[in-house]
Amino acid sequence: MTSSLCPANIVEHKNTVGAAMNQRYGMAASLLLAACASSGPVTQLGQDTYMLTASSRWHGNDGVAIQGLQQADAYCKNLGGRMRVVGSERSEGVVFFLPPKALITFKCDKVS
């Protein structure tokens, strides 16, 4: 039988608490960065054709485009389809003033 005051148990407890704290800080940092990135709602333009706008103060132009593509892909997967880009426009933005934006038009093709 081991005592809860055994040095091995104390070290194990400290490691568990430290890991939990690191995980909480990591989650908080992720939430803060995600709060600075935004995507508008997906808008249906026609049959299986959609559009969304993504922007972020923390990502460059390419990062915003990737963010929008990931959201479009997740949207199509949720509908049971595969995303295909049919058009895109990007604005560079101005550092600390206007965030870069990406406008993505896409189709959700049926997966056969």
C-alpha atoms as a PDB file:
ATOM      1  CA  MET A   1       0.000   0.000   0.000  1.00  0.00           C
ATOM      2  CA  THR A   2       1.392   3.411  -0.925  1.00  0.00           C
ATOM      3  CA  SER A   3       0.776   6.621   0.920  1.00  0.00           C
ATOM      4  CA  SER A   4      -0.604   9.641  -0.933  1.00  0.00           C
ATOM      5  CA  LEU A   5       2.283  11.612   0.578  1.00  0.00           C
ATOM      6  CA  CYS A   6       4.844   9.343  -1.037  1.00  0.00           C
ATOM      7  CA  PRO A   7       7.387  11.478  -2.997  1.00  0.00           C
ATOM      8  CA  ALA A   8       6.626   9.530  -6.175  1.00  0.00           C
ATOM      9  CA  ASN A   9       2.914  10.382  -5.839  1.00  0.00           C
ATOM     10  CA  ILE A  10       3.694  14.059  -5.201  1.00  0.00           C
ATOM     11  CA  VAL A  11       5.886  14.261  -8.315  1.00  0.00           C
ATOM     12  CA  GLU A  12       3.227  12.436 -10.354  1.00  0.00           C
ATOM     13  CA  HIS A  13       0.570  14.853  -9.053  1.00  0.00           C
ATOM     14  CA  LYS A  14       2.730  17.892  -9.928  1.00  0.00           C
ATOM     15  CA  ASN A  15       3.296  16.547 -13.448  1.00  0.00           C
ATOM     16  CA  THR A  16      -0.441  15.969 -13.894  1.00  0.00           C
ATOM     17  CA  VAL A  17      -1.269  19.476 -12.648  1.00  0.00           C
ATOM     18  CA  GLY A  18       1.451  20.996 -14.863  1.00  0.00           C
ATOM     19  CA  ALA A  19       0.201  19.147 -17.929  1.00  0.00           C
ATOM     20  CA  ALA A  20      -3.365  20.276 -17.227  1.00  0.00           C
ATOM     21  CA  MET A  21      -2.227  23.892 -16.848  1.00  0.00           C
ATOM     22  CA  ASN A  22      -0.245  23.745 -20.098  1.00  0.00           C
ATOM     23  CA  GLN A  23      -3.261  22.274 -21.860  1.00  0.00           C
ATOM     24  CA  ARG A  24      -5.494  25.063 -20.518  1.00  0.00           C
ATOM     25  CA  TYR A  25      -3.034  27.765 -21.602  1.00  0.00           C
ATOM     26  CA  GLY A  26      -2.767  26.166 -25.049  1.00  0.00           C
ATOM     27  CA  MET A  27      -6.547  26.058 -25.405  1.00  0.00           C
ATOM     28  CA  ALA A  28      -6.867  29.681 -24.258  1.00  0.00           C
ATOM     29  CA  ALA A  29      -4.240  30.825 -26.770  1.00  0.00           C
ATOM     30  CA  SER A  30      -5.990  28.901 -29.552  1.00  0.00           C
ATOM     31  CA  LEU A  31      -9.325  30.472 -28.659  1.00  0.00           C
ATOM     32  CA  LEU A  32      -7.834  33.964 -28.643  1.00  0.00           C
ATOM     33  CA  LEU A  33      -6.269  33.467 -32.068  1.00  0.00           C
ATOM     34  CA  ALA A  34      -9.446  31.915 -33.410  1.00  0.00           C
ATOM     35  CA  ALA A  35     -11.403  34.900 -32.113  1.00  0.00           C
ATOM     36  CA  CYS A  36      -9.230  37.161 -34.263  1.00  0.00           C
ATOM     37  CA  ALA A  37      -9.932  35.049 -37.357  1.00  0.00           C
ATOM     38  CA  SER A  38     -13.404  35.076 -38.780  1.00  0.00           C
ATOM     39  CA  SER A  39     -15.376  33.657 -41.629  1.00  0.00           C
ATOM     40  CA  GLY A  40     -18.752  34.840 -42.664  1.00  0.00           C
ATOM     41  CA  PRO A  41     -21.619  32.430 -43.053  1.00  0.00           C
ATOM     42  CA  VAL A  42     -21.736  30.251 -46.137  1.00  0.00           C
ATOM     43  CA  THR A  43     -24.186  31.732 -48.641  1.00  0.00           C
ATOM     44  CA  GLN A  44     -25.875  29.593 -51.276  1.00  0.00           C
ATOM     45  CA  LEU A  45     -25.654  31.196 -54.740  1.00  0.00           C
ATOM     46  CA  GLY A  46     -27.243  28.433 -56.782  1.00  0.00           C
ATOM     47  CA  GLN A  47     -27.687  24.693 -56.896  1.00  0.00           C
ATOM     48  CA  ASP A  48     -24.622  23.229 -55.108  1.00  0.00           C
ATOM     49  CA  THR A  49     -22.781  26.593 -55.455  1.00  0.00           C
ATOM     50  CA  TYR A  50     -21.771  28.562 -52.371  1.00  0.00           C
ATOM     51  CA  MET A  51     -19.713  31.566 -51.287  1.00  0.00           C
ATOM     52  CA  LEU A  52     -17.958  32.601 -48.088  1.00  0.00           C
ATOM     53  CA  THR A  53     -15.688  35.409 -46.924  1.00  0.00           C
ATOM     54  CA  ALA A  54     -12.786  34.827 -44.519  1.00  0.00           C
ATOM     55  CA  SER A  55     -10.612  37.420 -42.777  1.00  0.00           C
ATOM     56  CA  SER A  56      -8.025  37.559 -40.006  1.00  0.00           C
ATOM     57  CA  ARG A  57      -5.739  40.099 -38.390  1.00  0.00           C
ATOM     58  CA  TRP A  58      -3.251  37.338 -37.477  1.00  0.00           C
ATOM     59  CA  HIS A  59      -2.930  35.462 -40.758  1.00  0.00           C
ATOM     60  CA  GLY A  60      -1.405  36.774 -43.939  1.00  0.00           C
ATOM     61  CA  ASN A  61      -3.222  36.675 -47.242  1.00  0.00           C
ATOM     62  CA  ASP A  62      -2.392  33.008 -47.816  1.00  0.00           C
ATOM     63  CA  GLY A  63      -3.420  32.075 -44.271  1.00  0.00           C
ATOM     64  CA  VAL A  64      -6.821  33.691 -44.764  1.00  0.00           C
ATOM     65  CA  ALA A  65      -7.315  31.822 -48.051  1.00  0.00           C
ATOM     66  CA  ILE A  66      -6.388  28.525 -46.373  1.00  0.00           C
ATOM     67  CA  GLN A  67      -8.792  29.273 -43.523  1.00  0.00           C
ATOM     68  CA  GLY A  68     -11.608  29.886 -46.023  1.00  0.00           C
ATOM     69  CA  LEU A  69     -10.786  26.753 -48.009  1.00  0.00           C
ATOM     70  CA  GLN A  70     -10.823  24.668 -44.837  1.00  0.00           C
ATOM     71  CA  GLN A  71     -14.233  26.048 -43.891  1.00  0.00           C
ATOM     72  CA  ALA A  72     -15.586  25.406 -47.394  1.00  0.00           C
ATOM     73  CA  ASP A  73     -14.222  21.856 -47.329  1.00  0.00           C
ATOM     74  CA  ALA A  74     -15.790  21.188 -43.916  1.00  0.00           C
ATOM     75  CA  TYR A  75     -19.110  22.604 -45.151  1.00  0.00           C
ATOM     76  CA  CYS A  76     -19.174  20.276 -48.164  1.00  0.00           C
ATOM     77  CA  LYS A  77     -18.118  17.263 -46.110  1.00  0.00           C
ATOM     78  CA  ASN A  78     -20.996  18.009 -43.749  1.00  0.00           C
ATOM     79  CA  LEU A  79     -23.337  17.853 -46.777  1.00  0.00           C
ATOM     80  CA  GLY A  80     -21.721  14.580 -47.882  1.00  0.00           C
ATOM     81  CA  GLY A  81     -19.932  16.131 -50.843  1.00  0.00           C
ATOM     82  CA  ARG A  82     -16.497  17.194 -52.010  1.00  0.00           C
ATOM     83  CA  MET A  83     -15.518  20.864 -52.264  1.00  0.00           C
ATOM     84  CA  ARG A  84     -14.389  22.290 -55.618  1.00  0.00           C
ATOM     85  CA  VAL A  85     -13.281  25.928 -55.915  1.00  0.00           C
ATOM     86  CA  VAL A  86     -14.880  27.753 -58.842  1.00  0.00           C
ATOM     87  CA  GLY A  87     -13.588  31.241 -58.045  1.00  0.00           C
ATOM     88  CA  SER A  88     -11.724  33.320 -55.506  1.00  0.00           C
ATOM     89  CA  GLU A  89     -10.742  36.908 -54.806  1.00  0.00           C
ATOM     90  CA  ARG A  90      -8.299  38.151 -52.205  1.00  0.00           C
ATOM     91  CA  SER A  91      -7.508  41.557 -50.763  1.00  0.00           C
ATOM     92  CA  GLU A  92      -4.156  42.182 -49.124  1.00  0.00           C
ATOM     93  CA  GLY A  93      -5.456  44.457 -46.393  1.00  0.00           C
ATOM     94  CA  VAL A  94      -3.389  47.046 -44.511  1.00  0.00           C
ATOM     95  CA  VAL A  95      -1.321  45.945 -41.495  1.00  0.00           C
ATOM     96  CA  PHE A  96      -2.997  46.958 -38.197  1.00  0.00           C
ATOM     97  CA  PHE A  97      -5.821  48.704 -40.063  1.00  0.00           C
ATOM     98  CA  LEU A  98      -7.710  46.387 -42.437  1.00  0.00           C
ATOM     99  CA  PRO A  99      -7.315  42.608 -42.244  1.00  0.00           C
ATOM    100  CA  PRO A 100      -6.711  40.623 -45.427  1.00  0.00           C
ATOM    101  CA  LYS A 101      -9.832  38.970 -46.829  1.00  0.00           C
ATOM    102  CA  ALA A 102     -10.583  36.067 -49.119  1.00  0.00           C
ATOM    103  CA  LEU A 103     -13.854  35.575 -50.987  1.00  0.00           C
ATOM    104  CA  ILE A 104     -14.239  31.963 -52.084  1.00  0.00           C
ATOM    105  CA  THR A 105     -16.895  30.608 -54.438  1.00  0.00           C
ATOM    106  CA  PHE A 106     -17.177  26.836 -54.412  1.00  0.00           C
ATOM    107  CA  LYS A 107     -19.332  23.893 -55.386  1.00  0.00           C
ATOM    108  CA  CYS A 108     -20.142  20.838 -53.311  1.00  0.00           C
ATOM    109  CA  ASP A 109     -19.897  17.951 -55.776  1.00  0.00           C
ATOM    110  CA  LYS A 110     -21.664  14.719 -54.968  1.00  0.00           C
ATOM    111  CA  VAL A 111     -19.323  11.884 -54.033  1.00  0.00           C
ATOM    112  CA  SER A 112     -20.111   8.733 -55.961  1.00  0.00           C
END
